[in-house]
Structures are given as C-alpha cells and as structure tokens.
Amino acid sequence: MARPNLHEKSHTLEKAIHIFWRKGFSNTSLKDLELGLDMRPGSIYAAFGSKTGLFTQALSVYAAKQAERMSTVIEAQPNPLDGILTLLYSFSHGKPAEQPSYACFLVKSLLEMESSEDELKQLIRQHLQTMENIFRDAFSQAISKGFLAHPENAEHSPSRLARVVQTKIIGIRIMSLQLEQPALLDELTIDCARFIENLKKVDEIISAE
C-alpha cells in the first residue's frame, strides 16, 4: 500500500490536528479518522502505525509551528518584552476555543488524557516546556540587551519569569474552553500582559535612577 508523499502527509496531519482538537484523543474513533482524513484504515496504519502514532505526529507538527510562530513574533521586536506583549495581545479579540491556537491543543489534550496515557502526557509536557524555554530565552535576551534589569534573586530570573507567563497563558487557555464571552478572555489576556508591562515600568524606574 503506497505511503502518502510529504505534501499529502502534511495536509493529513493538519486535518488530524483539528479532529483530535475537537473530539479529544480518547474520544476520536477510527471511523472519525476515516471520515475526517478521507483515508481507509489500512492507509492510516500504513502511514502512521496507529491512532497513537498519528496523534503523536500531529501533536509534534502543531507544537513545532506554535514554537516557530512564537519565536518569529518575539524576535520581530527590538525589545523582547515587546515581542512577548505582541504575542499576548494576539490572543485578544478572537472567538474562544473555536480552533487550536497557541498552546490550546496541548493544554486541552493534557486535560483530557486518561491516567493510563502517561507517555502521551509526558510528550505534551515536553512540548509545553519547549514553549516555556522560548519565553525564558526572550527574558534572557531582554536582560542582555539592557531592556530588563539583572535579577537580584531567583524570583526574577528568566526561568522564573517564563514559568509565570506560561502558567498565566495556560490558565487563559483552560478558561477559553469554558467561557463563551470573548470580552472576558480579552480581560484575562490584558491582565497577563499587564505583568509584562509592570516589568518594563520597574526597569524604566531603575534605569532613570
């Protein structure tokens, strides 16, 4: 049985992301995949080995694209803190939980995983850690470029700040699965962005002294 070429496989994985995002890994049946991917069971198994194999590859494609987008948005700004703000504000003014946006697919999948699916949960955590590392590197660059004061204690270290931002974003994504009012999601995003704004203000005060 012929395997799909790279273009076909990429298109198939994009469709798989949306199927798994809508129904969740455990609730996605082989019939769902047959219909959504327009592939026979034999073709699915030949290309991906199993439903788990398909999910793993779809998850990796999604995470890689999200990480690339994060880096592109942050690096487009001279001040990495402004890059983080741009990324945060891009979450606003959108419809809640209609498609897998930043970290949403990862968070949603992690919440839905059954206790027996430890390997998949660990994979999701690794992808989330990769995204957190991008924030960490951005804070480190902000320090090296003079946009953020050198931390005097661990509380303001790049790793700690990145973890705080990531935690806030994950919280927003969890709430996006429950709230049906975009204005409330906007408020949560603004609250998260205010954390970065306050870091900038503190640094401006220090620089002026």
N, C-alpha and C. Protein backbone atom coordinates (compact mmCIF):
# COMPACT_ATOMS: atom_id res chain seq x y z
N MET A 1 0.85 -1.19 0.00
CA MET A 1 0.00 0.00 0.00
C MET A 1 0.88 1.24 0.00
N ALA A 2 0.66 2.16 -0.93
CA ALA A 2 1.50 3.33 -1.09
C ALA A 2 1.37 4.28 0.11
N ARG A 3 2.52 4.80 0.52
CA ARG A 3 2.51 5.78 1.60
C ARG A 3 2.28 7.17 1.03
N PRO A 4 1.67 8.08 1.76
CA PRO A 4 1.45 9.43 1.26
C PRO A 4 2.77 10.17 1.11
N ASN A 5 2.86 11.06 0.08
CA ASN A 5 4.07 11.87 -0.05
C ASN A 5 4.09 12.94 1.04
N LEU A 6 5.18 13.70 1.09
CA LEU A 6 5.34 14.66 2.18
C LEU A 6 4.24 15.71 2.20
N HIS A 7 3.83 16.19 1.01
CA HIS A 7 2.77 17.20 0.95
C HIS A 7 1.45 16.61 1.45
N GLU A 8 1.13 15.41 1.00
CA GLU A 8 -0.11 14.76 1.43
C GLU A 8 -0.08 14.48 2.93
N LYS A 9 1.08 14.05 3.43
CA LYS A 9 1.19 13.74 4.86
C LYS A 9 1.02 15.00 5.69
N SER A 10 1.61 16.11 5.25
CA SER A 10 1.47 17.37 5.97
C SER A 10 0.02 17.81 6.02
N HIS A 11 -0.67 17.68 4.89
CA HIS A 11 -2.09 18.05 4.83
C HIS A 11 -2.93 17.14 5.73
N THR A 12 -2.59 15.86 5.74
CA THR A 12 -3.31 14.90 6.59
C THR A 12 -3.12 15.22 8.06
N LEU A 13 -1.90 15.57 8.44
CA LEU A 13 -1.63 15.89 9.84
C LEU A 13 -2.35 17.15 10.28
N GLU A 14 -2.47 18.13 9.38
CA GLU A 14 -3.23 19.35 9.71
C GLU A 14 -4.69 19.00 9.99
N LYS A 15 -5.25 18.14 9.17
CA LYS A 15 -6.64 17.73 9.39
C LYS A 15 -6.77 16.92 10.68
N ALA A 16 -5.76 16.10 10.96
CA ALA A 16 -5.78 15.30 12.18
C ALA A 16 -5.75 16.18 13.43
N ILE A 17 -4.99 17.28 13.37
CA ILE A 17 -4.93 18.21 14.49
C ILE A 17 -6.33 18.70 14.85
N HIS A 18 -7.10 19.08 13.84
CA HIS A 18 -8.44 19.62 14.08
C HIS A 18 -9.40 18.53 14.57
N ILE A 19 -9.23 17.31 14.07
CA ILE A 19 -10.09 16.21 14.53
C ILE A 19 -9.83 15.92 16.00
N PHE A 20 -8.56 15.76 16.36
CA PHE A 20 -8.21 15.46 17.75
C PHE A 20 -8.55 16.64 18.66
N TRP A 21 -8.41 17.85 18.16
CA TRP A 21 -8.72 19.02 18.98
C TRP A 21 -10.22 19.06 19.31
N ARG A 22 -11.04 18.75 18.32
CA ARG A 22 -12.49 18.80 18.54
C ARG A 22 -12.97 17.69 19.46
N LYS A 23 -12.49 16.48 19.24
CA LYS A 23 -13.05 15.32 19.93
C LYS A 23 -12.19 14.80 21.08
N GLY A 24 -10.92 15.17 21.10
CA GLY A 24 -10.02 14.62 22.10
C GLY A 24 -9.44 13.29 21.63
N PHE A 25 -8.28 12.93 22.15
CA PHE A 25 -7.62 11.70 21.71
C PHE A 25 -8.47 10.47 22.00
N SER A 26 -8.91 10.32 23.23
CA SER A 26 -9.63 9.11 23.63
C SER A 26 -10.97 8.97 22.91
N ASN A 27 -11.64 10.09 22.66
CA ASN A 27 -12.97 10.05 22.04
C ASN A 27 -12.94 10.02 20.52
N THR A 28 -11.77 10.11 19.94
CA THR A 28 -11.66 10.04 18.48
C THR A 28 -11.61 8.58 18.05
N SER A 29 -12.58 8.16 17.28
CA SER A 29 -12.65 6.77 16.83
C SER A 29 -11.96 6.62 15.48
N LEU A 30 -11.72 5.38 15.11
CA LEU A 30 -11.13 5.11 13.80
C LEU A 30 -12.06 5.60 12.70
N LYS A 31 -13.36 5.47 12.92
CA LYS A 31 -14.34 5.95 11.94
C LYS A 31 -14.24 7.48 11.78
N ASP A 32 -14.03 8.18 12.90
CA ASP A 32 -13.85 9.64 12.83
C ASP A 32 -12.65 9.98 11.95
N LEU A 33 -11.58 9.23 12.12
CA LEU A 33 -10.37 9.48 11.34
C LEU A 33 -10.57 9.12 9.88
N GLU A 34 -11.26 8.01 9.63
CA GLU A 34 -11.55 7.62 8.24
C GLU A 34 -12.29 8.74 7.51
N LEU A 35 -13.34 9.24 8.14
CA LEU A 35 -14.17 10.26 7.51
C LEU A 35 -13.44 11.60 7.42
N GLY A 36 -12.77 11.98 8.52
CA GLY A 36 -12.11 13.28 8.55
C GLY A 36 -10.89 13.37 7.68
N LEU A 37 -10.17 12.27 7.55
CA LEU A 37 -8.94 12.26 6.75
C LEU A 37 -9.17 11.75 5.34
N ASP A 38 -10.36 11.17 5.11
CA ASP A 38 -10.66 10.55 3.82
C ASP A 38 -9.63 9.48 3.49
N MET A 39 -9.37 8.63 4.48
CA MET A 39 -8.41 7.54 4.32
C MET A 39 -9.01 6.25 4.86
N ARG A 40 -8.63 5.15 4.26
CA ARG A 40 -9.06 3.85 4.75
C ARG A 40 -8.19 3.46 5.95
N PRO A 41 -8.72 2.57 6.81
CA PRO A 41 -7.95 2.16 7.99
C PRO A 41 -6.55 1.65 7.65
N GLY A 42 -6.47 0.86 6.58
CA GLY A 42 -5.17 0.32 6.18
C GLY A 42 -4.18 1.41 5.82
N SER A 43 -4.67 2.45 5.16
CA SER A 43 -3.80 3.56 4.77
C SER A 43 -3.33 4.35 5.99
N ILE A 44 -4.24 4.52 6.96
CA ILE A 44 -3.88 5.23 8.19
C ILE A 44 -2.78 4.48 8.93
N TYR A 45 -2.95 3.17 9.07
CA TYR A 45 -1.97 2.38 9.79
C TYR A 45 -0.66 2.27 9.03
N ALA A 46 -0.73 2.21 7.70
CA ALA A 46 0.49 2.14 6.90
C ALA A 46 1.31 3.42 7.03
N ALA A 47 0.61 4.54 7.11
CA ALA A 47 1.30 5.84 7.16
C ALA A 47 1.76 6.21 8.56
N PHE A 48 0.97 5.85 9.58
CA PHE A 48 1.25 6.34 10.93
C PHE A 48 1.39 5.25 11.99
N GLY A 49 1.13 4.02 11.64
CA GLY A 49 1.32 2.91 12.57
C GLY A 49 0.14 2.63 13.48
N SER A 50 -0.50 3.68 13.97
CA SER A 50 -1.62 3.52 14.90
C SER A 50 -2.27 4.88 15.13
N LYS A 51 -3.38 4.88 15.85
CA LYS A 51 -4.01 6.16 16.21
C LYS A 51 -3.06 6.97 17.09
N THR A 52 -2.36 6.28 17.98
CA THR A 52 -1.40 6.97 18.84
C THR A 52 -0.27 7.58 18.02
N GLY A 53 0.19 6.84 17.02
CA GLY A 53 1.25 7.35 16.15
C GLY A 53 0.80 8.58 15.39
N LEU A 54 -0.43 8.56 14.90
CA LEU A 54 -0.99 9.71 14.19
C LEU A 54 -1.10 10.90 15.14
N PHE A 55 -1.61 10.67 16.34
CA PHE A 55 -1.77 11.75 17.31
C PHE A 55 -0.42 12.34 17.68
N THR A 56 0.57 11.49 17.90
CA THR A 56 1.90 11.95 18.28
C THR A 56 2.50 12.85 17.20
N GLN A 57 2.37 12.42 15.94
CA GLN A 57 2.91 13.23 14.84
C GLN A 57 2.14 14.53 14.67
N ALA A 58 0.82 14.47 14.82
CA ALA A 58 0.00 15.68 14.71
C ALA A 58 0.37 16.66 15.81
N LEU A 59 0.56 16.15 17.01
CA LEU A 59 0.92 16.98 18.15
C LEU A 59 2.28 17.65 17.91
N SER A 60 3.23 16.89 17.37
CA SER A 60 4.56 17.43 17.13
C SER A 60 4.55 18.52 16.06
N VAL A 61 3.75 18.31 15.02
CA VAL A 61 3.62 19.32 13.97
C VAL A 61 3.02 20.60 14.54
N TYR A 62 1.97 20.45 15.31
CA TYR A 62 1.31 21.60 15.93
C TYR A 62 2.28 22.36 16.83
N ALA A 63 2.99 21.63 17.70
CA ALA A 63 3.90 22.26 18.65
C ALA A 63 5.04 22.97 17.94
N ALA A 64 5.57 22.35 16.88
CA ALA A 64 6.67 22.97 16.13
C ALA A 64 6.23 24.27 15.47
N LYS A 65 5.03 24.28 14.91
CA LYS A 65 4.52 25.50 14.28
C LYS A 65 4.27 26.59 15.30
N GLN A 66 3.74 26.22 16.46
CA GLN A 66 3.50 27.20 17.50
C GLN A 66 4.80 27.79 18.02
N ALA A 67 5.81 26.94 18.20
CA ALA A 67 7.11 27.41 18.66
C ALA A 67 7.75 28.35 17.64
N GLU A 68 7.61 28.00 16.36
CA GLU A 68 8.16 28.86 15.30
C GLU A 68 7.46 30.21 15.28
N ARG A 69 6.14 30.19 15.44
CA ARG A 69 5.38 31.44 15.45
C ARG A 69 5.79 32.30 16.64
N MET A 70 5.92 31.68 17.80
CA MET A 70 6.34 32.42 18.99
C MET A 70 7.67 33.12 18.76
N SER A 71 8.64 32.37 18.26
CA SER A 71 9.98 32.93 18.04
C SER A 71 9.94 34.06 17.03
N THR A 72 9.15 33.88 15.96
CA THR A 72 9.06 34.90 14.92
C THR A 72 8.48 36.20 15.46
N VAL A 73 7.39 36.08 16.23
CA VAL A 73 6.73 37.27 16.78
C VAL A 73 7.64 37.98 17.78
N ILE A 74 8.27 37.23 18.66
CA ILE A 74 9.12 37.83 19.69
C ILE A 74 10.36 38.48 19.07
N GLU A 75 10.98 37.79 18.11
CA GLU A 75 12.22 38.29 17.52
C GLU A 75 11.99 39.47 16.58
N ALA A 76 10.74 39.71 16.19
CA ALA A 76 10.45 40.84 15.30
C ALA A 76 10.56 42.18 16.01
N GLN A 77 10.58 42.17 17.34
CA GLN A 77 10.65 43.40 18.13
C GLN A 77 12.07 43.59 18.69
N PRO A 78 12.60 44.82 18.62
CA PRO A 78 13.93 45.07 19.20
C PRO A 78 13.98 44.73 20.69
N ASN A 79 12.91 45.04 21.39
CA ASN A 79 12.80 44.71 22.81
C ASN A 79 12.03 43.40 22.95
N PRO A 80 12.67 42.33 23.42
CA PRO A 80 11.97 41.05 23.55
C PRO A 80 10.71 41.13 24.41
N LEU A 81 10.68 42.05 25.37
CA LEU A 81 9.47 42.21 26.19
C LEU A 81 8.30 42.68 25.34
N ASP A 82 8.57 43.55 24.38
CA ASP A 82 7.52 43.99 23.46
C ASP A 82 7.07 42.83 22.57
N GLY A 83 8.02 41.95 22.24
CA GLY A 83 7.66 40.78 21.46
C GLY A 83 6.72 39.86 22.21
N ILE A 84 6.99 39.67 23.50
CA ILE A 84 6.09 38.86 24.33
C ILE A 84 4.72 39.52 24.43
N LEU A 85 4.71 40.84 24.58
CA LEU A 85 3.44 41.57 24.65
C LEU A 85 2.65 41.41 23.36
N THR A 86 3.34 41.52 22.22
CA THR A 86 2.67 41.35 20.93
C THR A 86 2.03 39.98 20.84
N LEU A 87 2.76 38.97 21.30
CA LEU A 87 2.23 37.61 21.27
C LEU A 87 1.01 37.49 22.17
N LEU A 88 1.08 38.07 23.35
CA LEU A 88 -0.04 38.00 24.29
C LEU A 88 -1.27 38.71 23.74
N TYR A 89 -1.07 39.90 23.20
CA TYR A 89 -2.21 40.66 22.69
C TYR A 89 -2.83 40.01 21.45
N SER A 90 -2.06 39.15 20.78
CA SER A 90 -2.62 38.46 19.61
C SER A 90 -3.68 37.45 20.03
N PHE A 91 -3.74 37.12 21.33
CA PHE A 91 -4.78 36.21 21.81
C PHE A 91 -6.12 36.92 21.93
N SER A 92 -6.09 38.25 21.99
CA SER A 92 -7.32 39.01 22.22
C SER A 92 -8.13 39.16 20.94
N HIS A 93 -9.37 39.57 21.14
CA HIS A 93 -10.28 39.89 20.04
C HIS A 93 -10.55 38.69 19.14
N GLY A 94 -10.44 37.51 19.69
CA GLY A 94 -10.74 36.32 18.92
C GLY A 94 -11.90 35.57 19.53
N LYS A 95 -12.44 34.64 18.79
CA LYS A 95 -13.53 33.83 19.32
C LYS A 95 -12.95 32.72 20.18
N PRO A 96 -13.50 32.45 21.33
CA PRO A 96 -12.93 31.47 22.25
C PRO A 96 -13.07 30.04 21.78
N ALA A 97 -11.95 29.33 21.83
CA ALA A 97 -11.95 27.86 21.69
C ALA A 97 -12.64 27.35 20.43
N GLU A 98 -12.46 28.03 19.30
CA GLU A 98 -13.05 27.54 18.06
C GLU A 98 -12.03 26.79 17.21
N GLN A 99 -10.75 27.04 17.45
CA GLN A 99 -9.72 26.33 16.72
C GLN A 99 -8.47 26.27 17.59
N PRO A 100 -7.58 25.30 17.33
CA PRO A 100 -6.41 25.15 18.18
C PRO A 100 -5.40 26.26 17.98
N SER A 101 -5.37 27.24 18.88
CA SER A 101 -4.41 28.32 18.81
C SER A 101 -3.27 28.04 19.78
N TYR A 102 -2.51 29.09 20.14
CA TYR A 102 -1.31 28.88 20.95
C TYR A 102 -1.58 28.04 22.20
N ALA A 103 -0.87 26.92 22.30
CA ALA A 103 -0.90 26.04 23.47
C ALA A 103 -2.26 25.40 23.74
N CYS A 104 -3.31 25.84 23.06
CA CYS A 104 -4.65 25.36 23.38
C CYS A 104 -4.78 23.86 23.13
N PHE A 105 -4.28 23.38 21.99
CA PHE A 105 -4.36 21.96 21.67
C PHE A 105 -3.58 21.14 22.69
N LEU A 106 -2.41 21.65 23.09
CA LEU A 106 -1.60 20.94 24.08
C LEU A 106 -2.31 20.88 25.43
N VAL A 107 -2.80 22.02 25.87
CA VAL A 107 -3.47 22.08 27.18
C VAL A 107 -4.74 21.24 27.18
N LYS A 108 -5.54 21.38 26.14
CA LYS A 108 -6.79 20.62 26.03
C LYS A 108 -6.51 19.12 26.03
N SER A 109 -5.49 18.72 25.29
CA SER A 109 -5.14 17.30 25.22
C SER A 109 -4.65 16.78 26.57
N LEU A 110 -3.84 17.58 27.25
CA LEU A 110 -3.31 17.17 28.55
C LEU A 110 -4.43 16.99 29.57
N LEU A 111 -5.40 17.89 29.53
CA LEU A 111 -6.53 17.80 30.46
C LEU A 111 -7.40 16.58 30.19
N GLU A 112 -7.47 16.17 28.92
CA GLU A 112 -8.36 15.08 28.54
C GLU A 112 -7.71 13.71 28.63
N MET A 113 -6.38 13.67 28.80
CA MET A 113 -5.68 12.40 28.81
C MET A 113 -6.10 11.54 30.00
N GLU A 114 -6.27 10.26 29.76
CA GLU A 114 -6.58 9.33 30.83
C GLU A 114 -5.31 9.00 31.61
N SER A 115 -5.49 8.51 32.81
CA SER A 115 -4.35 8.25 33.69
C SER A 115 -3.38 7.22 33.12
N SER A 116 -3.87 6.35 32.25
CA SER A 116 -3.03 5.30 31.68
C SER A 116 -2.16 5.79 30.53
N GLU A 117 -2.39 7.00 30.07
CA GLU A 117 -1.68 7.51 28.89
C GLU A 117 -0.50 8.39 29.30
N ASP A 118 0.37 7.81 30.13
CA ASP A 118 1.49 8.57 30.70
C ASP A 118 2.47 9.04 29.63
N GLU A 119 2.74 8.21 28.63
CA GLU A 119 3.72 8.58 27.61
C GLU A 119 3.25 9.78 26.81
N LEU A 120 1.97 9.81 26.48
CA LEU A 120 1.43 10.94 25.73
C LEU A 120 1.43 12.20 26.59
N LYS A 121 1.09 12.05 27.87
CA LYS A 121 1.10 13.21 28.76
C LYS A 121 2.52 13.77 28.89
N GLN A 122 3.50 12.88 28.95
CA GLN A 122 4.88 13.33 29.06
C GLN A 122 5.31 14.06 27.79
N LEU A 123 4.86 13.57 26.63
CA LEU A 123 5.18 14.23 25.36
C LEU A 123 4.59 15.63 25.33
N ILE A 124 3.37 15.78 25.78
CA ILE A 124 2.72 17.09 25.80
C ILE A 124 3.48 18.03 26.73
N ARG A 125 3.89 17.53 27.88
CA ARG A 125 4.64 18.37 28.83
C ARG A 125 5.96 18.82 28.21
N GLN A 126 6.59 17.95 27.43
CA GLN A 126 7.84 18.32 26.77
C GLN A 126 7.62 19.45 25.77
N HIS A 127 6.52 19.38 25.02
CA HIS A 127 6.22 20.44 24.06
C HIS A 127 5.94 21.75 24.78
N LEU A 128 5.21 21.69 25.88
CA LEU A 128 4.94 22.90 26.67
C LEU A 128 6.23 23.47 27.24
N GLN A 129 7.14 22.59 27.63
CA GLN A 129 8.43 23.06 28.16
C GLN A 129 9.23 23.77 27.08
N THR A 130 9.15 23.27 25.85
CA THR A 130 9.84 23.94 24.74
C THR A 130 9.34 25.36 24.57
N MET A 131 8.03 25.54 24.67
CA MET A 131 7.45 26.88 24.55
C MET A 131 7.87 27.76 25.73
N GLU A 132 7.90 27.19 26.92
CA GLU A 132 8.34 27.95 28.08
C GLU A 132 9.79 28.39 27.92
N ASN A 133 10.60 27.53 27.31
CA ASN A 133 12.01 27.86 27.09
C ASN A 133 12.17 29.05 26.15
N ILE A 134 11.24 29.21 25.22
CA ILE A 134 11.28 30.36 24.32
C ILE A 134 11.06 31.64 25.11
N PHE A 135 10.13 31.62 26.04
CA PHE A 135 9.93 32.77 26.92
C PHE A 135 11.17 33.02 27.77
N ARG A 136 11.75 31.95 28.29
CA ARG A 136 12.97 32.09 29.11
C ARG A 136 14.08 32.78 28.32
N ASP A 137 14.27 32.32 27.08
CA ASP A 137 15.31 32.91 26.24
C ASP A 137 15.01 34.38 25.93
N ALA A 138 13.73 34.70 25.76
CA ALA A 138 13.34 36.08 25.49
C ALA A 138 13.67 36.98 26.68
N PHE A 139 13.38 36.50 27.89
CA PHE A 139 13.71 37.28 29.08
C PHE A 139 15.23 37.42 29.24
N SER A 140 15.96 36.36 28.91
CA SER A 140 17.43 36.42 28.98
C SER A 140 17.97 37.46 28.00
N GLN A 141 17.39 37.50 26.80
CA GLN A 141 17.82 38.48 25.80
C GLN A 141 17.47 39.89 26.24
N ALA A 142 16.31 40.04 26.89
CA ALA A 142 15.92 41.36 27.38
C ALA A 142 16.93 41.87 28.41
N ILE A 143 17.45 40.97 29.22
CA ILE A 143 18.47 41.35 30.21
C ILE A 143 19.77 41.72 29.52
N SER A 144 20.20 40.87 28.57
CA SER A 144 21.48 41.11 27.90
C SER A 144 21.46 42.37 27.05
N LYS A 145 20.28 42.76 26.55
CA LYS A 145 20.16 43.96 25.73
C LYS A 145 19.88 45.21 26.56
N GLY A 146 19.74 45.04 27.86
CA GLY A 146 19.52 46.18 28.73
C GLY A 146 18.08 46.62 28.86
N PHE A 147 17.14 45.80 28.38
CA PHE A 147 15.72 46.15 28.49
C PHE A 147 15.11 45.69 29.81
N LEU A 148 15.85 44.86 30.53
CA LEU A 148 15.37 44.33 31.81
C LEU A 148 16.55 44.24 32.75
N ALA A 149 16.36 44.69 33.98
CA ALA A 149 17.45 44.69 34.96
C ALA A 149 17.89 43.27 35.28
N HIS A 150 19.17 43.12 35.58
CA HIS A 150 19.67 41.82 36.00
C HIS A 150 18.96 41.40 37.29
N PRO A 151 18.50 40.17 37.36
CA PRO A 151 17.75 39.73 38.55
C PRO A 151 18.64 39.71 39.79
N GLU A 152 18.11 40.24 40.88
CA GLU A 152 18.84 40.23 42.14
C GLU A 152 18.56 38.95 42.93
N ASN A 153 17.53 38.22 42.53
CA ASN A 153 17.22 36.96 43.21
C ASN A 153 16.50 36.04 42.22
N ALA A 154 16.31 34.79 42.64
CA ALA A 154 15.72 33.79 41.75
C ALA A 154 14.30 34.13 41.34
N GLU A 155 13.63 34.96 42.13
CA GLU A 155 12.24 35.30 41.83
C GLU A 155 12.09 36.02 40.49
N HIS A 156 13.15 36.73 40.09
CA HIS A 156 13.08 37.48 38.84
C HIS A 156 14.04 36.91 37.79
N SER A 157 14.42 35.65 37.94
CA SER A 157 15.27 35.02 36.95
C SER A 157 14.48 34.76 35.67
N PRO A 158 15.15 34.67 34.50
CA PRO A 158 14.44 34.39 33.25
C PRO A 158 13.58 33.13 33.33
N SER A 159 14.09 32.09 33.98
CA SER A 159 13.33 30.84 34.09
C SER A 159 12.06 31.04 34.91
N ARG A 160 12.19 31.78 36.00
CA ARG A 160 11.03 32.02 36.87
C ARG A 160 10.00 32.89 36.15
N LEU A 161 10.44 33.93 35.48
CA LEU A 161 9.51 34.81 34.75
C LEU A 161 8.82 34.04 33.63
N ALA A 162 9.58 33.20 32.94
CA ALA A 162 8.99 32.40 31.85
C ALA A 162 7.92 31.46 32.38
N ARG A 163 8.19 30.88 33.54
CA ARG A 163 7.22 29.95 34.14
C ARG A 163 5.95 30.68 34.55
N VAL A 164 6.10 31.90 35.04
CA VAL A 164 4.93 32.69 35.43
C VAL A 164 4.08 33.01 34.21
N VAL A 165 4.72 33.46 33.13
CA VAL A 165 3.98 33.80 31.91
C VAL A 165 3.30 32.57 31.33
N GLN A 166 4.05 31.46 31.28
CA GLN A 166 3.48 30.23 30.74
C GLN A 166 2.27 29.78 31.57
N THR A 167 2.39 29.88 32.88
CA THR A 167 1.29 29.49 33.76
C THR A 167 0.06 30.34 33.52
N LYS A 168 0.27 31.64 33.36
CA LYS A 168 -0.85 32.55 33.09
C LYS A 168 -1.52 32.20 31.76
N ILE A 169 -0.71 31.91 30.75
CA ILE A 169 -1.27 31.58 29.43
C ILE A 169 -2.05 30.28 29.47
N ILE A 170 -1.50 29.28 30.16
CA ILE A 170 -2.21 28.01 30.29
C ILE A 170 -3.55 28.23 30.99
N GLY A 171 -3.55 29.09 32.00
CA GLY A 171 -4.80 29.42 32.67
C GLY A 171 -5.80 30.05 31.73
N ILE A 172 -5.32 30.94 30.87
CA ILE A 172 -6.20 31.58 29.89
C ILE A 172 -6.78 30.52 28.95
N ARG A 173 -5.92 29.58 28.54
CA ARG A 173 -6.38 28.55 27.60
C ARG A 173 -7.40 27.62 28.26
N ILE A 174 -7.22 27.32 29.52
CA ILE A 174 -8.21 26.50 30.21
C ILE A 174 -9.54 27.24 30.30
N MET A 175 -9.48 28.52 30.62
CA MET A 175 -10.70 29.32 30.70
C MET A 175 -11.37 29.47 29.34
N SER A 176 -10.57 29.48 28.27
CA SER A 176 -11.15 29.63 26.93
C SER A 176 -12.01 28.44 26.55
N LEU A 177 -11.76 27.30 27.21
CA LEU A 177 -12.57 26.11 26.96
C LEU A 177 -13.90 26.17 27.69
N GLN A 178 -14.03 27.13 28.62
CA GLN A 178 -15.24 27.22 29.43
C GLN A 178 -16.05 28.48 29.16
N LEU A 179 -15.35 29.58 28.85
CA LEU A 179 -16.04 30.85 28.64
C LEU A 179 -16.54 30.99 27.22
N GLU A 180 -17.69 31.60 27.07
CA GLU A 180 -18.25 31.84 25.74
C GLU A 180 -18.30 33.33 25.43
N GLN A 181 -17.65 34.13 26.26
CA GLN A 181 -17.67 35.57 26.08
C GLN A 181 -16.26 36.06 25.75
N PRO A 182 -15.99 36.44 24.50
CA PRO A 182 -14.67 36.92 24.11
C PRO A 182 -14.16 38.06 24.97
N ALA A 183 -15.06 38.94 25.44
CA ALA A 183 -14.63 40.09 26.24
C ALA A 183 -13.95 39.63 27.53
N LEU A 184 -14.43 38.55 28.12
CA LEU A 184 -13.82 38.04 29.35
C LEU A 184 -12.44 37.46 29.08
N LEU A 185 -12.29 36.81 27.93
CA LEU A 185 -10.98 36.29 27.56
C LEU A 185 -10.01 37.43 27.30
N ASP A 186 -10.51 38.50 26.70
CA ASP A 186 -9.68 39.68 26.47
C ASP A 186 -9.17 40.24 27.79
N GLU A 187 -10.05 40.27 28.79
CA GLU A 187 -9.66 40.80 30.10
C GLU A 187 -8.55 39.95 30.72
N LEU A 188 -8.67 38.64 30.61
CA LEU A 188 -7.65 37.75 31.15
C LEU A 188 -6.32 37.96 30.44
N THR A 189 -6.38 38.14 29.13
CA THR A 189 -5.17 38.37 28.36
C THR A 189 -4.51 39.69 28.75
N ILE A 190 -5.32 40.71 28.93
CA ILE A 190 -4.80 42.02 29.33
C ILE A 190 -4.15 41.94 30.71
N ASP A 191 -4.76 41.18 31.62
CA ASP A 191 -4.17 41.01 32.95
C ASP A 191 -2.79 40.35 32.86
N CYS A 192 -2.68 39.38 31.97
CA CYS A 192 -1.39 38.70 31.78
C CYS A 192 -0.38 39.67 31.17
N ALA A 193 -0.82 40.45 30.19
CA ALA A 193 0.08 41.42 29.55
C ALA A 193 0.53 42.49 30.54
N ARG A 194 -0.34 42.82 31.48
CA ARG A 194 0.00 43.84 32.48
C ARG A 194 1.21 43.41 33.31
N PHE A 195 1.36 42.12 33.51
CA PHE A 195 2.52 41.60 34.23
C PHE A 195 3.81 42.00 33.51
N ILE A 196 3.82 41.88 32.18
CA ILE A 196 4.99 42.27 31.39
C ILE A 196 5.17 43.78 31.41
N GLU A 197 4.07 44.50 31.28
CA GLU A 197 4.13 45.96 31.31
C GLU A 197 4.74 46.44 32.62
N ASN A 198 4.37 45.81 33.72
CA ASN A 198 4.90 46.20 35.02
C ASN A 198 6.40 45.93 35.12
N LEU A 199 6.86 44.86 34.48
CA LEU A 199 8.30 44.58 34.45
C LEU A 199 9.03 45.70 33.72
N LYS A 200 8.43 46.17 32.63
CA LYS A 200 9.04 47.25 31.86
C LYS A 200 9.08 48.54 32.69
N LYS A 201 8.01 48.82 33.41
CA LYS A 201 7.95 50.05 34.20
C LYS A 201 8.98 50.03 35.32
N VAL A 202 9.13 48.88 35.97
CA VAL A 202 10.12 48.75 37.04
C VAL A 202 11.51 49.00 36.49
N ASP A 203 11.79 48.44 35.32
CA ASP A 203 13.11 48.61 34.73
C ASP A 203 13.35 50.05 34.32
N GLU A 204 12.30 50.73 33.85
CA GLU A 204 12.44 52.14 33.47
C GLU A 204 12.77 52.99 34.68
N ILE A 205 12.17 52.67 35.82
CA ILE A 205 12.45 53.40 37.06
C ILE A 205 13.90 53.19 37.48
N ILE A 206 14.36 51.93 37.39
CA ILE A 206 15.73 51.61 37.76
C ILE A 206 16.71 52.34 36.85
N SER A 207 16.40 52.37 35.54
CA SER A 207 17.28 53.00 34.57
C SER A 207 17.37 54.50 34.79
N ALA A 208 16.29 55.09 35.29
CA ALA A 208 16.25 56.54 35.47
C ALA A 208 16.99 57.00 36.71
N GLU A 209 17.22 56.06 37.64
CA GLU A 209 17.87 56.45 38.90
C GLU A 209 19.37 56.65 38.73
